C-alpha atoms as a PDB file:
ATOM      1  CA  MET A   1     102.703 108.916  87.798  1.00  0.00           C
ATOM      2  CA  ASP A   2     102.576 105.370  89.115  1.00  0.00           C
ATOM      3  CA  LYS A   3     102.984 104.436  92.772  1.00  0.00           C
ATOM      4  CA  GLU A   4     106.524 103.072  92.356  1.00  0.00           C
ATOM      5  CA  ARG A   5     107.756 106.267  90.690  1.00  0.00           C
ATOM      6  CA  LYS A   6     106.188 108.407  93.430  1.00  0.00           C
ATOM      7  CA  GLU A   7     107.839 106.315  96.133  1.00  0.00           C
ATOM      8  CA  ALA A   8     111.195 106.422  94.359  1.00  0.00           C
ATOM      9  CA  LEU A   9     110.946 110.180  93.887  1.00  0.00           C
ATOM     10  CA  GLN A  10     110.141 110.723  97.576  1.00  0.00           C
ATOM     11  CA  VAL A  11     113.029 108.522  98.721  1.00  0.00           C
ATOM     12  CA  THR A  12     115.381 110.245  96.283  1.00  0.00           C
ATOM     13  CA  LYS A  13     114.358 113.678  97.569  1.00  0.00           C
ATOM     14  CA  GLU A  14     115.005 112.592 101.151  1.00  0.00           C
ATOM     15  CA  LEU A  15     118.381 111.074 100.271  1.00  0.00           C
ATOM     16  CA  VAL A  16     119.500 114.133  98.341  1.00  0.00           C
ATOM     17  CA  ALA A  17     118.406 116.380 101.212  1.00  0.00           C
ATOM     18  CA  LYS A  18     120.597 114.349 103.584  1.00  0.00           C
ATOM     19  CA  PHE A  19     123.474 114.470 101.095  1.00  0.00           C
ATOM     20  CA  ILE A  20     123.105 118.263 100.894  1.00  0.00           C
ATOM     21  CA  GLU A  21     123.169 118.494 104.698  1.00  0.00           C
ATOM     22  CA  THR A  22     126.384 116.477 104.797  1.00  0.00           C
ATOM     23  CA  ARG A  23     127.809 118.511 101.894  1.00  0.00           C
ATOM     24  CA  ASN A  24     128.113 115.520  99.559  1.00  0.00           C
ATOM     25  CA  VAL A  25     125.784 117.207  97.064  1.00  0.00           C
ATOM     26  CA  SER A  26     125.982 120.873  96.136  1.00  0.00           C
ATOM     27  CA  PRO A  27     124.052 123.110  93.753  1.00  0.00           C
ATOM     28  CA  GLY A  28     126.892 122.607  91.280  1.00  0.00           C
ATOM     29  CA  ASN A  29     126.520 118.827  91.052  1.00  0.00           C
ATOM     30  CA  PHE A  30     122.809 118.464  91.921  1.00  0.00           C
ATOM     31  CA  ALA A  31     121.684 118.190  88.283  1.00  0.00           C
ATOM     32  CA  GLU A  32     124.214 115.428  87.673  1.00  0.00           C
ATOM     33  CA  LEU A  33     123.577 113.409  90.831  1.00  0.00           C
ATOM     34  CA  PHE A  34     119.785 113.595  91.301  1.00  0.00           C
ATOM     35  CA  PRO A  35     118.916 111.594  88.139  1.00  0.00           C
ATOM     36  CA  ALA A  36     121.595 109.012  88.914  1.00  0.00           C
ATOM     37  CA  ILE A  37     120.324 108.545  92.471  1.00  0.00           C
ATOM     38  CA  PHE A  38     116.724 108.348  91.216  1.00  0.00           C
ATOM     39  CA  LYS A  39     117.621 105.605  88.725  1.00  0.00           C
ATOM     40  CA  VAL A  40     119.203 103.485  91.456  1.00  0.00           C
ATOM     41  CA  VAL A  41     116.305 104.003  93.874  1.00  0.00           C
ATOM     42  CA  TYR A  42     113.660 103.393  91.198  1.00  0.00           C
ATOM     43  CA  SER A  43     115.286 100.197  89.978  1.00  0.00           C
ATOM     44  CA  THR A  44     115.527  99.002  93.581  1.00  0.00           C
ATOM     45  CA  VAL A  45     111.864  99.794  94.275  1.00  0.00           C
ATOM     46  CA  ARG A  46     110.807  97.953  91.122  1.00  0.00           C
ATOM     47  CA  THR A  47     112.996  94.947  91.934  1.00  0.00           C
ATOM     48  CA  GLU A  48     111.883  94.796  95.565  1.00  0.00           C
ATOM     49  CA  GLY A  49     108.255  95.209  94.533  1.00  0.00           C
ATOM     50  CA  THR A  50     108.344  92.072  92.416  1.00  0.00           C
ATOM     51  CA  GLU A  51     110.578  89.951  94.648  1.00  0.00           C
ATOM     52  CA  GLY A  52     109.358  90.987  98.083  1.00  0.00           C
ATOM     53  CA  ASP A  53     105.616  90.561  97.675  1.00  0.00           C
ATOM     54  CA  ASP A  54     105.507  87.249  99.523  1.00  0.00           C
ATOM     55  CA  GLU A  55     107.803  88.375 102.363  1.00  0.00           C
ATOM     56  CA  ALA A  56     106.229  89.810 105.500  1.00  0.00           C
END
């Protein structure tokens, strides 16, 4: 698994954990929401990785 996927997976896990704590995600809709959240996070990580390299 590449670095970007690992980072996106970790961020997604943390986000979903917060959503579970605030009752926005439940066991009933977890399987539907986790992949959707991962796709958004992963596309953001990939986009930021290519655009933000020269920013510091």
